[in-house]
Amino acid sequence: MTHVVTEACIRCKYTDCVDVCPVDCFREGPNFLTIDPDECIDCAVCIPECPVNAILPEEDVPGDQIHMIKINADLAKTWPSITKRKPALPDADDWKDKTGKLPELIR
């Protein structure tokens, strides 16, 4: 099993999770992070680091977020690796509690 970044990350892109990942499985897009399912070792150290609770084990992804499993896998194939923490997006705090952010995802 792998871990999945859900819609909660969109337009926030806090990167606290990146610093603790032992295998550098995070990939970075313009306004979202993904987890490469081929690299993730299911260690779960990233989960408590996410300030918006956007990371879940694949088996715990709720029904309304199942589409994020495929999105993570697809985007991880083309987005570059991120291995060090960066500042969150400038308006991340404005977006962190919003839901239904999929239309905001920049691919």
PDB file of N, CA and C in Angstrom:
ATOM      1  N   MET A   1       0.851  -1.188   0.000  1.00  0.00           N
ATOM      2  CA  MET A   1       0.000   0.000   0.000  1.00  0.00           C
ATOM      3  C   MET A   1       0.886   1.236   0.000  1.00  0.00           C
ATOM      4  N   THR A   2       0.297   2.313  -0.428  1.00  0.00           N
ATOM      5  CA  THR A   2       1.010   3.583  -0.473  1.00  0.00           C
ATOM      6  C   THR A   2       0.181   4.640   0.246  1.00  0.00           C
ATOM      7  N   HIS A   3       0.706   5.812   0.304  1.00  0.00           N
ATOM      8  CA  HIS A   3      -0.031   6.939   0.861  1.00  0.00           C
ATOM      9  C   HIS A   3      -0.447   7.855  -0.277  1.00  0.00           C
ATOM     10  N   VAL A   4      -1.479   8.654  -0.027  1.00  0.00           N
ATOM     11  CA  VAL A   4      -2.085   9.476  -1.061  1.00  0.00           C
ATOM     12  C   VAL A   4      -2.264  10.902  -0.533  1.00  0.00           C
ATOM     13  N   VAL A   5      -1.944  11.867  -1.369  1.00  0.00           N
ATOM     14  CA  VAL A   5      -2.210  13.259  -1.034  1.00  0.00           C
ATOM     15  C   VAL A   5      -3.598  13.589  -1.583  1.00  0.00           C
ATOM     16  N   THR A   6      -4.467  14.085  -0.720  1.00  0.00           N
ATOM     17  CA  THR A   6      -5.845  14.373  -1.110  1.00  0.00           C
ATOM     18  C   THR A   6      -6.018  15.844  -1.491  1.00  0.00           C
ATOM     19  N   GLU A   7      -7.247  16.183  -1.872  1.00  0.00           N
ATOM     20  CA  GLU A   7      -7.561  17.539  -2.325  1.00  0.00           C
ATOM     21  C   GLU A   7      -7.208  18.624  -1.319  1.00  0.00           C
ATOM     22  N   ALA A   8      -7.118  18.283  -0.044  1.00  0.00           N
ATOM     23  CA  ALA A   8      -6.821  19.291   0.975  1.00  0.00           C
ATOM     24  C   ALA A   8      -5.510  20.010   0.710  1.00  0.00           C
ATOM     25  N   CYS A   9      -4.602  19.383  -0.023  1.00  0.00           N
ATOM     26  CA  CYS A   9      -3.298  19.992  -0.331  1.00  0.00           C
ATOM     27  C   CYS A   9      -3.385  21.059  -1.425  1.00  0.00           C
ATOM     28  N   ILE A  10      -4.377  20.963  -2.270  1.00  0.00           N
ATOM     29  CA  ILE A  10      -4.472  21.861  -3.418  1.00  0.00           C
ATOM     30  C   ILE A  10      -4.558  23.313  -2.952  1.00  0.00           C
ATOM     31  N   ARG A  11      -3.730  24.144  -3.542  1.00  0.00           N
ATOM     32  CA  ARG A  11      -3.617  25.585  -3.287  1.00  0.00           C
ATOM     33  C   ARG A  11      -3.020  25.906  -1.924  1.00  0.00           C
ATOM     34  N   CYS A  12      -2.512  24.897  -1.240  1.00  0.00           N
ATOM     35  CA  CYS A  12      -1.795  25.123   0.026  1.00  0.00           C
ATOM     36  C   CYS A  12      -0.328  24.766  -0.177  1.00  0.00           C
ATOM     37  N   LYS A  13      -0.105  23.498  -0.505  1.00  0.00           N
ATOM     38  CA  LYS A  13       1.227  22.953  -0.770  1.00  0.00           C
ATOM     39  C   LYS A  13       2.208  23.228   0.372  1.00  0.00           C
ATOM     40  N   TYR A  14       1.768  22.903   1.583  1.00  0.00           N
ATOM     41  CA  TYR A  14       2.711  22.910   2.700  1.00  0.00           C
ATOM     42  C   TYR A  14       3.675  21.759   2.444  1.00  0.00           C
ATOM     43  N   THR A  15       4.919  21.942   2.719  1.00  0.00           N
ATOM     44  CA  THR A  15       5.903  20.906   2.388  1.00  0.00           C
ATOM     45  C   THR A  15       6.580  20.318   3.622  1.00  0.00           C
ATOM     46  N   ASP A  16       5.950  20.424   4.763  1.00  0.00           N
ATOM     47  CA  ASP A  16       6.494  19.852   5.996  1.00  0.00           C
ATOM     48  C   ASP A  16       6.760  18.351   5.823  1.00  0.00           C
ATOM     49  N   CYS A  17       5.888  17.697   5.070  1.00  0.00           N
ATOM     50  CA  CYS A  17       5.968  16.262   4.837  1.00  0.00           C
ATOM     51  C   CYS A  17       7.243  15.859   4.098  1.00  0.00           C
ATOM     52  N   VAL A  18       7.715  16.722   3.245  1.00  0.00           N
ATOM     53  CA  VAL A  18       8.867  16.425   2.405  1.00  0.00           C
ATOM     54  C   VAL A  18      10.124  16.209   3.252  1.00  0.00           C
ATOM     55  N   ASP A  19      10.276  17.011   4.299  1.00  0.00           N
ATOM     56  CA  ASP A  19      11.470  16.920   5.144  1.00  0.00           C
ATOM     57  C   ASP A  19      11.624  15.580   5.846  1.00  0.00           C
ATOM     58  N   VAL A  20      10.535  14.905   6.127  1.00  0.00           N
ATOM     59  CA  VAL A  20      10.619  13.663   6.904  1.00  0.00           C
ATOM     60  C   VAL A  20      10.608  12.400   6.047  1.00  0.00           C
ATOM     61  N   CYS A  21      10.351  12.532   4.776  1.00  0.00           N
ATOM     62  CA  CYS A  21      10.248  11.355   3.907  1.00  0.00           C
ATOM     63  C   CYS A  21      11.634  10.709   3.718  1.00  0.00           C
ATOM     64  N   PRO A  22      11.777   9.444   4.121  1.00  0.00           N
ATOM     65  CA  PRO A  22      13.083   8.797   4.000  1.00  0.00           C
ATOM     66  C   PRO A  22      13.440   8.335   2.589  1.00  0.00           C
ATOM     67  N   VAL A  23      12.458   8.324   1.692  1.00  0.00           N
ATOM     68  CA  VAL A  23      12.724   7.825   0.337  1.00  0.00           C
ATOM     69  C   VAL A  23      12.451   8.855  -0.759  1.00  0.00           C
ATOM     70  N   ASP A  24      12.195  10.092  -0.378  1.00  0.00           N
ATOM     71  CA  ASP A  24      11.980  11.165  -1.358  1.00  0.00           C
ATOM     72  C   ASP A  24      10.915  10.803  -2.389  1.00  0.00           C
ATOM     73  N   CYS A  25       9.739  10.410  -1.909  1.00  0.00           N
ATOM     74  CA  CYS A  25       8.672   9.989  -2.829  1.00  0.00           C
ATOM     75  C   CYS A  25       7.718  11.115  -3.215  1.00  0.00           C
ATOM     76  N   PHE A  26       7.941  12.331  -2.704  1.00  0.00           N
ATOM     77  CA  PHE A  26       7.054  13.440  -3.051  1.00  0.00           C
ATOM     78  C   PHE A  26       7.458  14.062  -4.380  1.00  0.00           C
ATOM     79  N   ARG A  27       6.433  14.463  -5.120  1.00  0.00           N
ATOM     80  CA  ARG A  27       6.618  15.154  -6.390  1.00  0.00           C
ATOM     81  C   ARG A  27       5.887  16.484  -6.289  1.00  0.00           C
ATOM     82  N   GLU A  28       6.436  17.498  -6.964  1.00  0.00           N
ATOM     83  CA  GLU A  28       5.914  18.858  -6.820  1.00  0.00           C
ATOM     84  C   GLU A  28       5.327  19.394  -8.112  1.00  0.00           C
ATOM     85  N   GLY A  29       4.093  19.884  -7.993  1.00  0.00           N
ATOM     86  CA  GLY A  29       3.449  20.588  -9.085  1.00  0.00           C
ATOM     87  C   GLY A  29       3.280  22.046  -8.699  1.00  0.00           C
ATOM     88  N   PRO A  30       2.626  22.820  -9.541  1.00  0.00           N
ATOM     89  CA  PRO A  30       2.483  24.252  -9.280  1.00  0.00           C
ATOM     90  C   PRO A  30       1.748  24.585  -7.981  1.00  0.00           C
ATOM     91  N   ASN A  31       0.712  23.816  -7.645  1.00  0.00           N
ATOM     92  CA  ASN A  31      -0.044  24.151  -6.429  1.00  0.00           C
ATOM     93  C   ASN A  31      -0.484  22.905  -5.641  1.00  0.00           C
ATOM     94  N   PHE A  32       0.296  21.835  -5.746  1.00  0.00           N
ATOM     95  CA  PHE A  32      -0.080  20.567  -5.137  1.00  0.00           C
ATOM     96  C   PHE A  32       1.143  19.662  -5.071  1.00  0.00           C
ATOM     97  N   LEU A  33       1.171  18.762  -4.105  1.00  0.00           N
ATOM     98  CA  LEU A  33       2.190  17.719  -4.018  1.00  0.00           C
ATOM     99  C   LEU A  33       1.531  16.376  -4.271  1.00  0.00           C
ATOM    100  N   THR A  34       2.280  15.445  -4.820  1.00  0.00           N
ATOM    101  CA  THR A  34       1.806  14.071  -4.961  1.00  0.00           C
ATOM    102  C   THR A  34       2.803  13.138  -4.296  1.00  0.00           C
ATOM    103  N   ILE A  35       2.367  11.924  -4.078  1.00  0.00           N
ATOM    104  CA  ILE A  35       3.245  10.862  -3.608  1.00  0.00           C
ATOM    105  C   ILE A  35       3.360   9.840  -4.729  1.00  0.00           C
ATOM    106  N   ASP A  36       4.588   9.524  -5.080  1.00  0.00           N
ATOM    107  CA  ASP A  36       4.825   8.517  -6.107  1.00  0.00           C
ATOM    108  C   ASP A  36       4.558   7.137  -5.488  1.00  0.00           C
ATOM    109  N   PRO A  37       3.530   6.439  -5.949  1.00  0.00           N
ATOM    110  CA  PRO A  37       3.191   5.151  -5.349  1.00  0.00           C
ATOM    111  C   PRO A  37       4.270   4.089  -5.549  1.00  0.00           C
ATOM    112  N   ASP A  38       5.124   4.267  -6.543  1.00  0.00           N
ATOM    113  CA  ASP A  38       6.202   3.309  -6.780  1.00  0.00           C
ATOM    114  C   ASP A  38       7.383   3.532  -5.838  1.00  0.00           C
ATOM    115  N   GLU A  39       7.443   4.698  -5.222  1.00  0.00           N
ATOM    116  CA  GLU A  39       8.545   5.027  -4.315  1.00  0.00           C
ATOM    117  C   GLU A  39       8.152   4.962  -2.844  1.00  0.00           C
ATOM    118  N   CYS A  40       6.884   5.208  -2.529  1.00  0.00           N
ATOM    119  CA  CYS A  40       6.414   5.253  -1.142  1.00  0.00           C
ATOM    120  C   CYS A  40       6.598   3.885  -0.481  1.00  0.00           C
ATOM    121  N   ILE A  41       7.177   3.887   0.728  1.00  0.00           N
ATOM    122  CA  ILE A  41       7.393   2.637   1.458  1.00  0.00           C
ATOM    123  C   ILE A  41       6.384   2.457   2.592  1.00  0.00           C
ATOM    124  N   ASP A  42       5.369   3.297   2.630  1.00  0.00           N
ATOM    125  CA  ASP A  42       4.282   3.145   3.595  1.00  0.00           C
ATOM    126  C   ASP A  42       4.752   3.300   5.041  1.00  0.00           C
ATOM    127  N   CYS A  43       5.709   4.199   5.248  1.00  0.00           N
ATOM    128  CA  CYS A  43       6.233   4.380   6.601  1.00  0.00           C
ATOM    129  C   CYS A  43       5.348   5.278   7.459  1.00  0.00           C
ATOM    130  N   ALA A  44       4.551   6.128   6.826  1.00  0.00           N
ATOM    131  CA  ALA A  44       3.566   6.987   7.493  1.00  0.00           C
ATOM    132  C   ALA A  44       4.149   8.162   8.276  1.00  0.00           C
ATOM    133  N   VAL A  45       5.444   8.414   8.174  1.00  0.00           N
ATOM    134  CA  VAL A  45       6.004   9.539   8.930  1.00  0.00           C
ATOM    135  C   VAL A  45       5.524  10.889   8.400  1.00  0.00           C
ATOM    136  N   CYS A  46       5.040  10.933   7.182  1.00  0.00           N
ATOM    137  CA  CYS A  46       4.558  12.186   6.590  1.00  0.00           C
ATOM    138  C   CYS A  46       3.185  12.592   7.122  1.00  0.00           C
ATOM    139  N   ILE A  47       2.393  11.627   7.531  1.00  0.00           N
ATOM    140  CA  ILE A  47       0.999  11.905   7.916  1.00  0.00           C
ATOM    141  C   ILE A  47       0.883  12.958   9.014  1.00  0.00           C
ATOM    142  N   PRO A  48       1.569  12.813  10.140  1.00  0.00           N
ATOM    143  CA  PRO A  48       1.401  13.818  11.203  1.00  0.00           C
ATOM    144  C   PRO A  48       2.037  15.167  10.877  1.00  0.00           C
ATOM    145  N   GLU A  49       2.881  15.210   9.858  1.00  0.00           N
ATOM    146  CA  GLU A  49       3.548  16.457   9.494  1.00  0.00           C
ATOM    147  C   GLU A  49       2.664  17.396   8.680  1.00  0.00           C
ATOM    148  N   CYS A  50       1.635  16.867   8.049  1.00  0.00           N
ATOM    149  CA  CYS A  50       0.785  17.687   7.176  1.00  0.00           C
ATOM    150  C   CYS A  50      -0.176  18.536   8.015  1.00  0.00           C
ATOM    151  N   PRO A  51      -0.050  19.858   7.936  1.00  0.00           N
ATOM    152  CA  PRO A  51      -0.905  20.720   8.752  1.00  0.00           C
ATOM    153  C   PRO A  51      -2.371  20.750   8.322  1.00  0.00           C
ATOM    154  N   VAL A  52      -2.681  20.206   7.138  1.00  0.00           N
ATOM    155  CA  VAL A  52      -4.078  20.191   6.679  1.00  0.00           C
ATOM    156  C   VAL A  52      -4.630  18.768   6.571  1.00  0.00           C
ATOM    157  N   ASN A  53      -3.898  17.806   7.118  1.00  0.00           N
ATOM    158  CA  ASN A  53      -4.330  16.402   7.117  1.00  0.00           C
ATOM    159  C   ASN A  53      -4.671  15.893   5.722  1.00  0.00           C
ATOM    160  N   ALA A  54      -3.823  16.243   4.766  1.00  0.00           N
ATOM    161  CA  ALA A  54      -4.076  15.885   3.371  1.00  0.00           C
ATOM    162  C   ALA A  54      -3.526  14.515   2.985  1.00  0.00           C
ATOM    163  N   ILE A  55      -2.730  13.883   3.842  1.00  0.00           N
ATOM    164  CA  ILE A  55      -2.090  12.614   3.493  1.00  0.00           C
ATOM    165  C   ILE A  55      -2.757  11.473   4.248  1.00  0.00           C
ATOM    166  N   LEU A  56      -3.150  10.471   3.488  1.00  0.00           N
ATOM    167  CA  LEU A  56      -3.825   9.308   4.074  1.00  0.00           C
ATOM    168  C   LEU A  56      -3.260   8.015   3.491  1.00  0.00           C
ATOM    169  N   PRO A  57      -3.303   6.926   4.263  1.00  0.00           N
ATOM    170  CA  PRO A  57      -3.006   5.628   3.660  1.00  0.00           C
ATOM    171  C   PRO A  57      -4.054   5.338   2.576  1.00  0.00           C
ATOM    172  N   GLU A  58      -3.628   4.708   1.500  1.00  0.00           N
ATOM    173  CA  GLU A  58      -4.540   4.454   0.380  1.00  0.00           C
ATOM    174  C   GLU A  58      -5.822   3.769   0.829  1.00  0.00           C
ATOM    175  N   GLU A  59      -5.707   2.836   1.761  1.00  0.00           N
ATOM    176  CA  GLU A  59      -6.894   2.105   2.201  1.00  0.00           C
ATOM    177  C   GLU A  59      -7.852   2.958   3.034  1.00  0.00           C
ATOM    178  N   ASP A  60      -7.403   4.120   3.493  1.00  0.00           N
ATOM    179  CA  ASP A  60      -8.246   5.009   4.296  1.00  0.00           C
ATOM    180  C   ASP A  60      -8.779   6.221   3.524  1.00  0.00           C
ATOM    181  N   VAL A  61      -8.489   6.287   2.248  1.00  0.00           N
ATOM    182  CA  VAL A  61      -8.974   7.413   1.444  1.00  0.00           C
ATOM    183  C   VAL A  61     -10.496   7.322   1.364  1.00  0.00           C
ATOM    184  N   PRO A  62     -11.206   8.388   1.780  1.00  0.00           N
ATOM    185  CA  PRO A  62     -12.668   8.335   1.748  1.00  0.00           C
ATOM    186  C   PRO A  62     -13.211   8.291   0.319  1.00  0.00           C
ATOM    187  N   GLY A  63     -14.422   7.809   0.184  1.00  0.00           N
ATOM    188  CA  GLY A  63     -15.040   7.641  -1.128  1.00  0.00           C
ATOM    189  C   GLY A  63     -15.021   8.878  -1.996  1.00  0.00           C
ATOM    190  N   ASP A  64     -15.191  10.056  -1.386  1.00  0.00           N
ATOM    191  CA  ASP A  64     -15.215  11.277  -2.184  1.00  0.00           C
ATOM    192  C   ASP A  64     -13.815  11.740  -2.601  1.00  0.00           C
ATOM    193  N   GLN A  65     -12.779  10.987  -2.204  1.00  0.00           N
ATOM    194  CA  GLN A  65     -11.403  11.324  -2.569  1.00  0.00           C
ATOM    195  C   GLN A  65     -10.692  10.195  -3.326  1.00  0.00           C
ATOM    196  N   ILE A  66     -11.415   9.136  -3.640  1.00  0.00           N
ATOM    197  CA  ILE A  66     -10.821   7.978  -4.325  1.00  0.00           C
ATOM    198  C   ILE A  66     -10.123   8.384  -5.620  1.00  0.00           C
ATOM    199  N   HIS A  67     -10.667   9.356  -6.315  1.00  0.00           N
ATOM    200  CA  HIS A  67     -10.063   9.816  -7.567  1.00  0.00           C
ATOM    201  C   HIS A  67      -8.632  10.321  -7.366  1.00  0.00           C
ATOM    202  N   MET A  68      -8.287  10.703  -6.129  1.00  0.00           N
ATOM    203  CA  MET A  68      -6.959  11.234  -5.858  1.00  0.00           C
ATOM    204  C   MET A  68      -5.880  10.152  -5.921  1.00  0.00           C
ATOM    205  N   ILE A  69      -6.258   8.899  -5.787  1.00  0.00           N
ATOM    206  CA  ILE A  69      -5.278   7.813  -5.905  1.00  0.00           C
ATOM    207  C   ILE A  69      -4.694   7.812  -7.317  1.00  0.00           C
ATOM    208  N   LYS A  70      -5.552   7.865  -8.304  1.00  0.00           N
ATOM    209  CA  LYS A  70      -5.090   7.875  -9.705  1.00  0.00           C
ATOM    210  C   LYS A  70      -4.382   9.187 -10.035  1.00  0.00           C
ATOM    211  N   ILE A  71      -4.899  10.295  -9.539  1.00  0.00           N
ATOM    212  CA  ILE A  71      -4.269  11.593  -9.802  1.00  0.00           C
ATOM    213  C   ILE A  71      -2.845  11.602  -9.254  1.00  0.00           C
ATOM    214  N   ASN A  72      -2.641  11.104  -8.028  1.00  0.00           N
ATOM    215  CA  ASN A  72      -1.293  11.035  -7.468  1.00  0.00           C
ATOM    216  C   ASN A  72      -0.378  10.213  -8.366  1.00  0.00           C
ATOM    217  N   ALA A  73      -0.837   9.032  -8.753  1.00  0.00           N
ATOM    218  CA  ALA A  73      -0.017   8.138  -9.576  1.00  0.00           C
ATOM    219  C   ALA A  73       0.312   8.759 -10.928  1.00  0.00           C
ATOM    220  N   ASP A  74      -0.673   9.365 -11.564  1.00  0.00           N
ATOM    221  CA  ASP A  74      -0.460   9.955 -12.888  1.00  0.00           C
ATOM    222  C   ASP A  74       0.482  11.151 -12.833  1.00  0.00           C
ATOM    223  N   LEU A  75       0.253  12.059 -11.895  1.00  0.00           N
ATOM    224  CA  LEU A  75       1.084  13.263 -11.820  1.00  0.00           C
ATOM    225  C   LEU A  75       2.504  12.952 -11.350  1.00  0.00           C
ATOM    226  N   ALA A  76       2.656  11.932 -10.520  1.00  0.00           N
ATOM    227  CA  ALA A  76       3.989  11.563 -10.034  1.00  0.00           C
ATOM    228  C   ALA A  76       4.908  11.125 -11.176  1.00  0.00           C
ATOM    229  N   LYS A  77       4.329  10.688 -12.264  1.00  0.00           N
ATOM    230  CA  LYS A  77       5.128  10.249 -13.415  1.00  0.00           C
ATOM    231  C   LYS A  77       5.789  11.415 -14.147  1.00  0.00           C
ATOM    232  N   THR A  78       5.211  12.611 -14.030  1.00  0.00           N
ATOM    233  CA  THR A  78       5.731  13.742 -14.810  1.00  0.00           C
ATOM    234  C   THR A  78       6.263  14.891 -13.960  1.00  0.00           C
ATOM    235  N   TRP A  79       5.850  14.967 -12.709  1.00  0.00           N
ATOM    236  CA  TRP A  79       6.303  16.071 -11.866  1.00  0.00           C
ATOM    237  C   TRP A  79       7.658  15.754 -11.253  1.00  0.00           C
ATOM    238  N   PRO A  80       8.482  16.786 -11.019  1.00  0.00           N
ATOM    239  CA  PRO A  80       9.811  16.565 -10.443  1.00  0.00           C
ATOM    240  C   PRO A  80       9.750  16.244  -8.951  1.00  0.00           C
ATOM    241  N   SER A  81      10.785  15.571  -8.504  1.00  0.00           N
ATOM    242  CA  SER A  81      10.923  15.237  -7.088  1.00  0.00           C
ATOM    243  C   SER A  81      11.167  16.505  -6.274  1.00  0.00           C
ATOM    244  N   ILE A  82      10.644  16.525  -5.064  1.00  0.00           N
ATOM    245  CA  ILE A  82      10.930  17.597  -4.114  1.00  0.00           C
ATOM    246  C   ILE A  82      11.489  16.921  -2.866  1.00  0.00           C
ATOM    247  N   THR A  83      12.645  17.389  -2.401  1.00  0.00           N
ATOM    248  CA  THR A  83      13.324  16.722  -1.294  1.00  0.00           C
ATOM    249  C   THR A  83      13.581  17.637  -0.103  1.00  0.00           C
ATOM    250  N   LYS A  84      13.280  18.911  -0.252  1.00  0.00           N
ATOM    251  CA  LYS A  84      13.481  19.854   0.845  1.00  0.00           C
ATOM    252  C   LYS A  84      12.256  20.741   1.000  1.00  0.00           C
ATOM    253  N   ARG A  85      11.988  21.106   2.229  1.00  0.00           N
ATOM    254  CA  ARG A  85      10.857  21.981   2.544  1.00  0.00           C
ATOM    255  C   ARG A  85      11.020  23.332   1.852  1.00  0.00           C
ATOM    256  N   LYS A  86       9.901  23.834   1.370  1.00  0.00           N
ATOM    257  CA  LYS A  86       9.824  25.166   0.762  1.00  0.00           C
ATOM    258  C   LYS A  86       8.690  25.907   1.453  1.00  0.00           C
ATOM    259  N   PRO A  87       8.643  27.223   1.307  1.00  0.00           N
ATOM    260  CA  PRO A  87       7.497  27.949   1.871  1.00  0.00           C
ATOM    261  C   PRO A  87       6.195  27.498   1.197  1.00  0.00           C
ATOM    262  N   ALA A  88       5.126  27.495   1.973  1.00  0.00           N
ATOM    263  CA  ALA A  88       3.803  27.199   1.411  1.00  0.00           C
ATOM    264  C   ALA A  88       3.430  28.295   0.423  1.00  0.00           C
ATOM    265  N   LEU A  89       2.403  28.048  -0.348  1.00  0.00           N
ATOM    266  CA  LEU A  89       1.932  29.071  -1.280  1.00  0.00           C
ATOM    267  C   LEU A  89       1.505  30.313  -0.489  1.00  0.00           C
ATOM    268  N   PRO A  90       1.658  31.503  -1.072  1.00  0.00           N
ATOM    269  CA  PRO A  90       1.379  32.742  -0.334  1.00  0.00           C
ATOM    270  C   PRO A  90      -0.018  32.822   0.284  1.00  0.00           C
ATOM    271  N   ASP A  91      -1.012  32.254  -0.367  1.00  0.00           N
ATOM    272  CA  ASP A  91      -2.370  32.319   0.164  1.00  0.00           C
ATOM    273  C   ASP A  91      -2.834  30.972   0.739  1.00  0.00           C
ATOM    274  N   ALA A  92      -1.893  30.144   1.143  1.00  0.00           N
ATOM    275  CA  ALA A  92      -2.214  28.810   1.660  1.00  0.00           C
ATOM    276  C   ALA A  92      -3.168  28.865   2.846  1.00  0.00           C
ATOM    277  N   ASP A  93      -2.956  29.777   3.741  1.00  0.00           N
ATOM    278  CA  ASP A  93      -3.829  29.850   4.921  1.00  0.00           C
ATOM    279  C   ASP A  93      -5.270  30.194   4.549  1.00  0.00           C
ATOM    280  N   ASP A  94      -5.454  30.905   3.445  1.00  0.00           N
ATOM    281  CA  ASP A  94      -6.808  31.224   2.983  1.00  0.00           C
ATOM    282  C   ASP A  94      -7.515  29.985   2.425  1.00  0.00           C
ATOM    283  N   TRP A  95      -6.748  29.016   1.944  1.00  0.00           N
ATOM    284  CA  TRP A  95      -7.300  27.831   1.287  1.00  0.00           C
ATOM    285  C   TRP A  95      -7.333  26.587   2.157  1.00  0.00           C
ATOM    286  N   LYS A  96      -6.610  26.584   3.280  1.00  0.00           N
ATOM    287  CA  LYS A  96      -6.407  25.345   4.032  1.00  0.00           C
ATOM    288  C   LYS A  96      -7.678  24.680   4.544  1.00  0.00           C
ATOM    289  N   ASP A  97      -8.725  25.436   4.806  1.00  0.00           N
ATOM    290  CA  ASP A  97      -9.958  24.847   5.334  1.00  0.00           C
ATOM    291  C   ASP A  97     -11.055  24.678   4.284  1.00  0.00           C
ATOM    292  N   LYS A  98     -10.747  25.007   3.038  1.00  0.00           N
ATOM    293  CA  LYS A  98     -11.755  24.885   1.982  1.00  0.00           C
ATOM    294  C   LYS A  98     -11.833  23.445   1.480  1.00  0.00           C
ATOM    295  N   THR A  99     -12.978  23.081   0.977  1.00  0.00           N
ATOM    296  CA  THR A  99     -13.184  21.758   0.403  1.00  0.00           C
ATOM    297  C   THR A  99     -13.539  21.901  -1.072  1.00  0.00           C
ATOM    298  N   GLY A 100     -13.598  20.793  -1.774  1.00  0.00           N
ATOM    299  CA  GLY A 100     -13.968  20.828  -3.191  1.00  0.00           C
ATOM    300  C   GLY A 100     -12.959  21.587  -4.032  1.00  0.00           C
ATOM    301  N   LYS A 101     -11.672  21.387  -3.777  1.00  0.00           N
ATOM    302  CA  LYS A 101     -10.655  22.185  -4.448  1.00  0.00           C
ATOM    303  C   LYS A 101     -10.130  21.555  -5.749  1.00  0.00           C
ATOM    304  N   LEU A 102     -10.632  20.402  -6.146  1.00  0.00           N
ATOM    305  CA  LEU A 102     -10.125  19.751  -7.346  1.00  0.00           C
ATOM    306  C   LEU A 102     -10.103  20.655  -8.580  1.00  0.00           C
ATOM    307  N   PRO A 103     -11.138  21.493  -8.819  1.00  0.00           N
ATOM    308  CA  PRO A 103     -11.072  22.378  -9.995  1.00  0.00           C
ATOM    309  C   PRO A 103      -9.893  23.362  -9.959  1.00  0.00           C
ATOM    310  N   GLU A 104      -9.317  23.559  -8.781  1.00  0.00           N
ATOM    311  CA  GLU A 104      -8.182  24.473  -8.636  1.00  0.00           C
ATOM    312  C   GLU A 104      -6.833  23.818  -8.962  1.00  0.00           C
ATOM    313  N   LEU A 105      -6.809  22.500  -9.121  1.00  0.00           N
ATOM    314  CA  LEU A 105      -5.554  21.787  -9.357  1.00  0.00           C
ATOM    315  C   LEU A 105      -4.952  22.178 -10.709  1.00  0.00           C
ATOM    316  N   ILE A 106      -3.717  22.646 -10.660  1.00  0.00           N
ATOM    317  CA  ILE A 106      -2.980  22.980 -11.885  1.00  0.00           C
ATOM    318  C   ILE A 106      -2.114  21.774 -12.229  1.00  0.00           C
ATOM    319  N   ARG A 107      -2.373  21.218 -13.389  1.00  0.00           N
ATOM    320  CA  ARG A 107      -1.614  20.029 -13.804  1.00  0.00           C
ATOM    321  C   ARG A 107      -0.548  20.457 -14.748  1.00  0.00           C
TER     322      ARG A 107
END
